[in-house]
């Protein structure tokens, strides 16, 4: 027994020593690693800098450049020395750019200057989406004027931006330029603008969003033969959910009408978006439309209905019984979605065990209108 523990401790000490030496090596020579021609070497350097005590200015500049590096790396890949990665270690595949972003996020204000400079550098265009997101995380007040200039420039020149970019952190100041982006015919601009307008919830966006939904609804009724037109339906999906988020209960009639009209839409994600939008209205009437969908034959629509009911919270109490029944579903994703909805609606957490929920429900029905407090 003693021998086995001694061996284990020697092995652990060896691994720790290797990690410390590797981290020191990358810390001392991070720039050369980031400039390597091998993706694994660049990934290891970025991962090490994410947990390093210090990061030289030269490395910060290379990390910013590396944000646009989409090279996929694997923990077992050549050169990706994960023992030095520490908290940044990822057990699955990742990209060099993602690891660079994690390192820069940890640098906070020190990275602000290089990030702001890169936002005006056209050679860093592939990284602009990540740069904007990082600026929002690390120094939003300092970055606000520069980011507003950037998105105005992109909209004016009709240049798409990274679909993962979000400028909702800019707040109300971003609404006019996002509305302008929504009105272009550049798909990538429209999708991001619609999504961010929904997050902001500013009433000024309601009219423009409704206009987009009305204009693009025919694309969902009949599958277009043109590929470009079919792609445009992603704008409709984003806009219809955002319309519900911005309009709240006042948007219910529009959303309910489209959900009924497009219940057989050729595009499954659009059907799901319309279901989700019902929940985003926050209108109690949505529960009555969502409840029958729980018993439908489309598993994706059933999961979307669970999500939507959860968003309605206590206003969806009429769906508690069918949701409890779904906990017995063989589809684990559906069962999990039903459990999440039940927790959101009732404020009670009994896990995903149907028997416990049925017992709870029996007590709840006998003591209406208040839900019982249940100890697990």
Protein backbone atom coordinates (compact mmCIF):
# COMPACT_ATOMS: atom_id res chain seq x y z
CA UNK A 1 0.00 0.00 0.00
CA UNK A 2 2.78 2.42 0.98
CA UNK A 3 4.67 1.59 -2.19
CA UNK A 4 1.62 2.26 -4.34
CA UNK A 5 0.99 5.67 -2.71
CA UNK A 6 4.67 6.57 -3.00
CA UNK A 7 4.60 5.72 -6.68
CA UNK A 8 1.45 7.81 -7.15
CA UNK A 9 2.99 10.80 -5.42
CA UNK A 10 6.18 10.51 -7.47
CA UNK A 11 4.09 10.42 -10.65
CA UNK A 12 2.04 13.46 -9.55
CA UNK A 13 5.18 15.37 -8.63
CA UNK A 14 6.69 14.60 -12.02
CA UNK A 15 3.60 15.83 -13.86
CA UNK A 16 3.50 19.01 -11.76
CA UNK A 17 7.18 19.67 -12.38
CA UNK A 18 6.70 19.17 -16.10
CA UNK A 19 3.76 21.58 -16.12
CA UNK A 20 5.72 24.24 -14.21
CA UNK A 21 8.72 23.93 -16.51
CA UNK A 22 6.52 24.01 -19.62
CA UNK A 23 4.60 27.03 -18.38
CA UNK A 24 7.87 28.78 -17.58
CA UNK A 25 9.20 27.97 -21.02
CA UNK A 26 6.11 29.29 -22.75
CA UNK A 27 6.03 32.32 -20.49
CA UNK A 28 9.62 33.13 -21.36
CA UNK A 29 9.23 32.40 -25.03
CA UNK A 30 5.50 32.76 -25.66
CA UNK A 31 5.94 34.98 -28.69
CA UNK A 32 7.90 32.37 -30.61
CA UNK A 33 5.23 29.77 -29.80
CA UNK A 34 2.43 32.04 -31.00
CA UNK A 35 4.34 32.71 -34.21
CA UNK A 36 4.97 29.02 -34.88
CA UNK A 37 3.92 27.50 -38.16
CA UNK A 38 2.38 24.58 -36.28
CA UNK A 39 -1.15 25.04 -34.96
CA UNK A 40 -0.48 22.86 -31.93
CA UNK A 41 2.46 25.02 -30.88
CA UNK A 42 0.38 28.18 -31.25
CA UNK A 43 -2.44 26.62 -29.24
CA UNK A 44 -0.13 25.58 -26.42
CA UNK A 45 1.43 29.03 -26.25
CA UNK A 46 -1.99 30.70 -26.09
CA UNK A 47 -3.28 28.24 -23.48
CA UNK A 48 -0.20 28.81 -21.33
CA UNK A 49 -0.50 32.59 -21.53
CA UNK A 50 -4.11 32.28 -20.35
CA UNK A 51 -2.82 31.17 -16.95
CA UNK A 52 0.57 32.91 -16.92
CA UNK A 53 1.41 35.43 -14.20
CA UNK A 54 2.58 37.94 -16.80
CA UNK A 55 2.24 38.43 -20.54
CA UNK A 56 4.75 40.53 -22.52
CA UNK A 57 3.40 43.21 -24.85
CA UNK A 58 4.78 41.31 -27.84
CA UNK A 59 2.69 38.30 -26.88
CA UNK A 60 -0.44 40.43 -26.43
CA UNK A 61 -0.06 41.69 -30.00
CA UNK A 62 0.31 38.12 -31.28
CA UNK A 63 -2.70 36.97 -29.24
CA UNK A 64 -4.81 39.68 -30.89
CA UNK A 65 -3.59 38.54 -34.31
CA UNK A 66 -4.36 34.97 -33.33
CA UNK A 67 -8.04 35.66 -32.65
CA UNK A 68 -8.80 35.00 -36.30
CA UNK A 69 -6.91 31.69 -36.31
CA UNK A 70 -9.54 29.03 -36.97
CA UNK A 71 -7.08 26.12 -36.94
CA UNK A 72 -8.64 23.22 -35.03
CA UNK A 73 -6.42 21.55 -32.46
CA UNK A 74 -6.88 18.39 -30.45
CA UNK A 75 -5.42 17.58 -27.03
CA UNK A 76 -3.57 14.65 -28.60
CA UNK A 77 -2.44 16.65 -31.62
CA UNK A 78 1.20 17.24 -32.42
CA UNK A 79 2.65 20.14 -30.47
CA UNK A 80 -0.39 20.79 -28.28
CA UNK A 81 1.28 20.36 -24.91
CA UNK A 82 -1.73 20.43 -22.65
CA UNK A 83 0.17 19.89 -19.40
CA UNK A 84 1.03 23.59 -19.46
CA UNK A 85 -2.50 24.74 -20.18
CA UNK A 86 -3.75 24.74 -16.58
CA UNK A 87 -7.22 26.26 -16.27
CA UNK A 88 -7.38 26.81 -20.03
CA UNK A 89 -7.07 23.08 -20.78
CA UNK A 90 -9.90 21.74 -22.91
CA UNK A 91 -10.60 18.02 -23.09
CA UNK A 92 -12.12 18.31 -26.58
CA UNK A 93 -11.28 19.98 -29.86
CA UNK A 94 -10.91 23.75 -29.91
CA UNK A 95 -9.38 26.43 -32.12
CA UNK A 96 -6.28 28.53 -31.70
CA UNK A 97 -8.45 31.66 -31.88
CA UNK A 98 -10.61 30.48 -28.97
CA UNK A 99 -7.54 29.93 -26.80
CA UNK A 100 -6.19 33.36 -27.75
CA UNK A 101 -9.52 34.90 -26.74
CA UNK A 102 -9.39 33.19 -23.33
CA UNK A 103 -5.89 34.52 -22.74
CA UNK A 104 -6.86 38.07 -23.72
CA UNK A 105 -9.99 38.00 -21.54
CA UNK A 106 -7.78 37.33 -18.53
CA UNK A 107 -5.58 40.32 -19.36
CA UNK A 108 -8.50 42.77 -19.01
CA UNK A 109 -7.37 46.41 -19.40
CA UNK A 110 -3.87 45.50 -20.56
CA UNK A 111 -5.31 44.12 -23.78
CA UNK A 112 -7.67 47.06 -24.41
CA UNK A 113 -5.21 49.20 -26.39
CA UNK A 114 -4.13 46.47 -28.83
CA UNK A 115 -7.73 45.28 -29.23
CA UNK A 116 -9.00 48.78 -30.02
CA UNK A 117 -6.19 49.30 -32.53
CA UNK A 118 -6.97 45.99 -34.22
CA UNK A 119 -10.61 46.99 -34.61
CA UNK A 120 -9.49 49.66 -37.09
CA UNK A 121 -7.05 47.32 -38.85
CA UNK A 122 -8.57 45.70 -41.97
CA UNK A 123 -5.95 42.94 -41.86
CA UNK A 124 -7.57 41.78 -38.59
CA UNK A 125 -11.05 41.60 -40.12
CA UNK A 126 -11.37 37.87 -39.42
CA UNK A 127 -10.99 38.59 -35.71
CA UNK A 128 -13.22 41.66 -35.42
CA UNK A 129 -16.19 39.71 -34.04
CA UNK A 130 -14.13 38.23 -31.22
CA UNK A 131 -12.48 41.61 -30.60
CA UNK A 132 -15.84 43.34 -30.10
CA UNK A 133 -17.01 40.60 -27.74
CA UNK A 134 -13.78 40.81 -25.72
CA UNK A 135 -14.01 44.59 -25.48
CA UNK A 136 -17.53 44.22 -24.14
CA UNK A 137 -16.28 41.78 -21.49
CA UNK A 138 -13.16 43.64 -20.40
CA UNK A 139 -13.61 47.41 -20.88
CA UNK A 140 -17.11 48.28 -22.16
CA UNK A 141 -17.08 51.96 -21.22
CA UNK A 142 -13.69 52.63 -22.76
CA UNK A 143 -14.53 50.65 -25.89
CA UNK A 144 -18.04 52.00 -26.50
CA UNK A 145 -17.16 54.89 -28.89
CA UNK A 146 -14.79 52.74 -30.97
CA UNK A 147 -17.24 49.85 -31.27
CA UNK A 148 -20.07 52.17 -32.28
CA UNK A 149 -17.82 53.62 -34.99
CA UNK A 150 -16.97 50.11 -36.12
CA UNK A 151 -20.55 48.88 -36.50
CA UNK A 152 -21.61 52.12 -38.21
CA UNK A 153 -18.74 51.69 -40.66
CA UNK A 154 -19.70 48.07 -41.32
CA UNK A 155 -23.32 48.97 -41.97
CA UNK A 156 -22.48 51.98 -44.14
CA UNK A 157 -20.07 49.95 -46.28
CA UNK A 158 -22.44 46.95 -46.20
CA UNK A 159 -19.72 44.69 -44.84
CA UNK A 160 -20.95 41.68 -42.85
CA UNK A 161 -19.68 41.04 -39.37
CA UNK A 162 -19.01 37.87 -37.46
CA UNK A 163 -22.33 36.10 -36.73
CA UNK A 164 -21.07 35.36 -33.21
CA UNK A 165 -20.61 39.06 -32.52
CA UNK A 166 -23.00 40.72 -30.10
CA UNK A 167 -23.20 44.44 -29.40
CA UNK A 168 -26.16 44.25 -27.02
CA UNK A 169 -23.75 45.38 -24.28
CA UNK A 170 -23.71 48.81 -25.94
CA UNK A 171 -27.28 49.33 -24.75
CA UNK A 172 -29.71 51.88 -26.17
CA UNK A 173 -26.98 53.69 -28.12
CA UNK A 174 -26.74 50.73 -30.48
CA UNK A 175 -30.44 50.66 -31.40
CA UNK A 176 -30.38 53.16 -34.31
CA UNK A 177 -27.46 51.50 -36.10
CA UNK A 178 -28.88 48.02 -35.45
CA UNK A 179 -32.19 49.10 -36.98
CA UNK A 180 -30.21 50.41 -39.94
CA UNK A 181 -28.40 47.06 -40.24
CA UNK A 182 -31.72 45.23 -40.09
CA UNK A 183 -32.90 47.26 -43.07
CA UNK A 184 -30.03 46.23 -45.33
CA UNK A 185 -30.07 43.17 -47.56
CA UNK A 186 -26.84 41.79 -46.08
CA UNK A 187 -27.93 38.57 -44.40
CA UNK A 188 -25.14 38.48 -41.81
CA UNK A 189 -25.87 42.05 -40.73
CA UNK A 190 -29.58 41.38 -40.49
CA UNK A 191 -29.28 38.23 -38.37
CA UNK A 192 -26.98 39.79 -35.78
CA UNK A 193 -29.00 43.02 -35.70
CA UNK A 194 -32.29 41.18 -35.20
CA UNK A 195 -30.85 39.04 -32.40
CA UNK A 196 -29.30 41.99 -30.56
CA UNK A 197 -32.44 44.10 -30.88
CA UNK A 198 -34.34 41.29 -29.19
CA UNK A 199 -31.82 41.18 -26.35
CA UNK A 200 -32.05 44.94 -25.87
CA UNK A 201 -35.85 44.94 -25.82
CA UNK A 202 -36.03 48.58 -26.91
CA UNK A 203 -39.54 49.51 -28.14
CA UNK A 204 -38.03 51.49 -31.03
CA UNK A 205 -37.18 48.17 -32.66
CA UNK A 206 -40.73 46.81 -32.69
CA UNK A 207 -41.86 48.42 -35.96
CA UNK A 208 -38.71 47.52 -37.93
CA UNK A 209 -38.79 43.93 -36.66
CA UNK A 210 -42.46 43.53 -37.52
CA UNK A 211 -41.76 44.88 -41.00
CA UNK A 212 -39.02 42.30 -41.56
CA UNK A 213 -41.22 39.46 -40.28
CA UNK A 214 -44.09 40.49 -42.56
CA UNK A 215 -41.81 40.84 -45.58
CA UNK A 216 -40.06 37.49 -45.13
CA UNK A 217 -43.02 35.35 -43.99
CA UNK A 218 -43.76 34.20 -47.58
CA UNK A 219 -40.34 32.49 -47.63
CA UNK A 220 -41.54 30.24 -44.82
CA UNK A 221 -44.85 29.39 -46.49
CA UNK A 222 -43.36 27.84 -49.61
CA UNK A 223 -39.80 26.67 -50.03
CA UNK A 224 -38.07 28.99 -52.51
CA UNK A 225 -36.21 27.39 -55.40
CA UNK A 226 -33.44 29.95 -55.11
CA UNK A 227 -30.70 29.05 -52.61
CA UNK A 228 -30.07 32.68 -51.64
CA UNK A 229 -33.76 33.14 -50.85
CA UNK A 230 -33.80 29.97 -48.74
CA UNK A 231 -30.87 31.24 -46.71
CA UNK A 232 -32.81 34.42 -45.97
CA UNK A 233 -35.19 32.46 -43.75
CA UNK A 234 -32.61 32.61 -40.95
CA UNK A 235 -33.36 36.34 -40.77
CA UNK A 236 -37.06 35.56 -40.36
CA UNK A 237 -36.29 33.12 -37.54
CA UNK A 238 -34.17 35.63 -35.67
CA UNK A 239 -36.60 38.50 -36.24
CA UNK A 240 -39.73 36.64 -35.14
CA UNK A 241 -38.21 35.67 -31.78
CA UNK A 242 -36.90 39.20 -31.27
CA UNK A 243 -40.31 40.65 -32.16
CA UNK A 244 -41.80 38.65 -29.29
CA UNK A 245 -39.02 39.71 -26.92
CA UNK A 246 -39.46 43.39 -27.76
CA UNK A 247 -43.24 43.46 -28.05
CA UNK A 248 -44.13 41.16 -25.19
CA UNK A 249 -47.88 40.51 -24.85
CA UNK A 250 -48.66 43.17 -27.47
CA UNK A 251 -46.97 40.96 -30.08
CA UNK A 252 -48.99 37.86 -29.20
CA UNK A 253 -51.60 38.18 -31.95
CA UNK A 254 -48.91 38.54 -34.63
CA UNK A 255 -46.84 35.65 -33.31
CA UNK A 256 -49.83 33.36 -32.78
CA UNK A 257 -51.06 34.12 -36.28
CA UNK A 258 -47.75 33.26 -37.89
CA UNK A 259 -47.34 30.14 -35.75
CA UNK A 260 -50.71 28.85 -36.94
CA UNK A 261 -50.11 29.90 -40.54
CA UNK A 262 -46.64 28.33 -40.68
CA UNK A 263 -47.20 25.24 -38.53
CA UNK A 264 -46.26 23.11 -41.55
CA UNK A 265 -43.33 25.27 -42.61
CA UNK A 266 -40.79 23.40 -44.76
CA UNK A 267 -37.97 24.53 -42.44
CA UNK A 268 -37.94 22.75 -39.05
CA UNK A 269 -35.82 25.39 -37.23
CA UNK A 270 -38.35 28.03 -38.29
CA UNK A 271 -41.21 26.00 -36.83
CA UNK A 272 -39.25 25.76 -33.59
CA UNK A 273 -38.49 29.51 -33.62
CA UNK A 274 -42.19 30.32 -33.94
CA UNK A 275 -42.98 28.03 -31.00
CA UNK A 276 -40.25 29.61 -28.91
CA UNK A 277 -41.52 33.07 -29.85
CA UNK A 278 -44.90 32.25 -28.31
CA UNK A 279 -43.16 31.76 -24.98
CA UNK A 280 -41.17 34.97 -25.42
CA UNK A 281 -44.37 37.01 -25.63
CA UNK A 282 -44.96 36.47 -21.92
CA UNK A 283 -48.69 36.23 -22.64
CA UNK A 284 -50.73 33.67 -20.67
CA UNK A 285 -52.72 32.86 -23.81
CA UNK A 286 -49.57 31.33 -25.30
CA UNK A 287 -49.79 28.42 -22.85
CA UNK A 288 -53.06 27.30 -24.41
CA UNK A 289 -51.42 27.17 -27.83
CA UNK A 290 -48.29 25.46 -26.60
CA UNK A 291 -49.88 22.72 -24.51
CA UNK A 292 -51.24 20.66 -27.48
CA UNK A 293 -47.78 20.69 -29.07
CA UNK A 294 -46.44 18.61 -26.18
CA UNK A 295 -48.37 15.62 -27.53
CA UNK A 296 -47.36 16.10 -31.16
CA UNK A 297 -45.26 13.78 -33.26
CA UNK A 298 -42.37 16.17 -33.88
CA UNK A 299 -39.78 15.70 -31.10
CA UNK A 300 -38.09 19.01 -31.91
CA UNK A 301 -41.38 20.89 -31.71
CA UNK A 302 -42.17 19.17 -28.41
CA UNK A 303 -38.83 20.26 -26.93
CA UNK A 304 -39.34 23.78 -28.26
CA UNK A 305 -42.78 23.84 -26.60
CA UNK A 306 -41.20 22.83 -23.28
CA UNK A 307 -38.70 25.66 -23.61
CA UNK A 308 -41.43 28.15 -24.49
CA UNK A 309 -43.62 27.08 -21.57
CA UNK A 310 -40.69 27.47 -19.22
CA UNK A 311 -40.23 31.03 -20.45
CA UNK A 312 -43.84 31.77 -19.53
CA UNK A 313 -43.12 30.77 -15.94
CA UNK A 314 -46.11 30.58 -13.61
CA UNK A 315 -48.40 31.72 -16.44
CA UNK A 316 -48.04 28.22 -17.93
CA UNK A 317 -49.39 26.37 -14.88
CA UNK A 318 -52.05 24.69 -17.04
CA UNK A 319 -49.26 22.68 -18.72
CA UNK A 320 -47.88 21.14 -15.53
CA UNK A 321 -49.69 17.80 -15.88
CA UNK A 322 -48.66 17.04 -19.49
CA UNK A 323 -45.12 18.13 -18.67
CA UNK A 324 -45.02 15.66 -15.78
CA UNK A 325 -46.12 12.92 -18.19
CA UNK A 326 -43.22 13.81 -20.50
CA UNK A 327 -40.77 13.00 -17.73
CA UNK A 328 -41.43 9.34 -18.61
CA UNK A 329 -40.48 9.91 -22.26
CA UNK A 330 -37.81 7.63 -23.70
CA UNK A 331 -36.34 10.66 -25.44
CA UNK A 332 -33.90 11.88 -22.78
CA UNK A 333 -33.63 15.36 -24.29
CA UNK A 334 -37.41 15.73 -24.22
CA UNK A 335 -37.62 14.45 -20.64
CA UNK A 336 -34.90 16.88 -19.57
CA UNK A 337 -36.64 19.78 -21.34
CA UNK A 338 -39.89 18.92 -19.55
CA UNK A 339 -38.09 18.91 -16.21
CA UNK A 340 -36.54 22.31 -16.91
CA UNK A 341 -39.96 23.69 -17.82
CA UNK A 342 -41.53 22.33 -14.63
CA UNK A 343 -38.85 23.95 -12.50
CA UNK A 344 -39.33 27.29 -14.25
CA UNK A 345 -43.13 27.17 -13.98
CA UNK A 346 -43.46 26.00 -10.38
CA UNK A 347 -40.30 27.29 -8.74
CA UNK A 348 -39.88 23.78 -7.31
CA UNK A 349 -37.03 21.38 -8.05
CA UNK A 350 -37.80 17.68 -7.80
CA UNK A 351 -35.32 16.63 -10.44
CA UNK A 352 -36.70 14.69 -13.39
CA UNK A 353 -38.44 11.95 -11.40
CA UNK A 354 -42.05 11.64 -12.58
CA UNK A 355 -43.27 9.87 -9.42
CA UNK A 356 -42.02 12.67 -7.17
CA UNK A 357 -43.69 15.27 -9.36
CA UNK A 358 -47.00 13.40 -9.40
CA UNK A 359 -46.95 13.17 -5.63
CA UNK A 360 -46.18 16.87 -5.41
CA UNK A 361 -48.92 17.68 -7.91
CA UNK A 362 -51.53 15.76 -5.92
CA UNK A 363 -50.74 17.87 -2.86
CA UNK A 364 -50.65 21.07 -4.93
CA UNK A 365 -54.08 20.48 -6.44
CA UNK A 366 -55.59 19.92 -3.00
CA UNK A 367 -54.12 23.14 -1.66
CA UNK A 368 -54.74 25.55 -4.54
CA UNK A 369 -53.87 28.36 -5.09
CA UNK A 370 -50.43 28.08 -3.49
CA UNK A 371 -47.75 25.54 -4.37
CA UNK A 372 -46.50 23.46 -1.43
CA UNK A 373 -42.97 23.75 -0.17
CA UNK A 374 -41.29 20.41 -0.74
CA UNK A 375 -38.16 19.24 0.99
CA UNK A 376 -36.02 16.84 -1.02
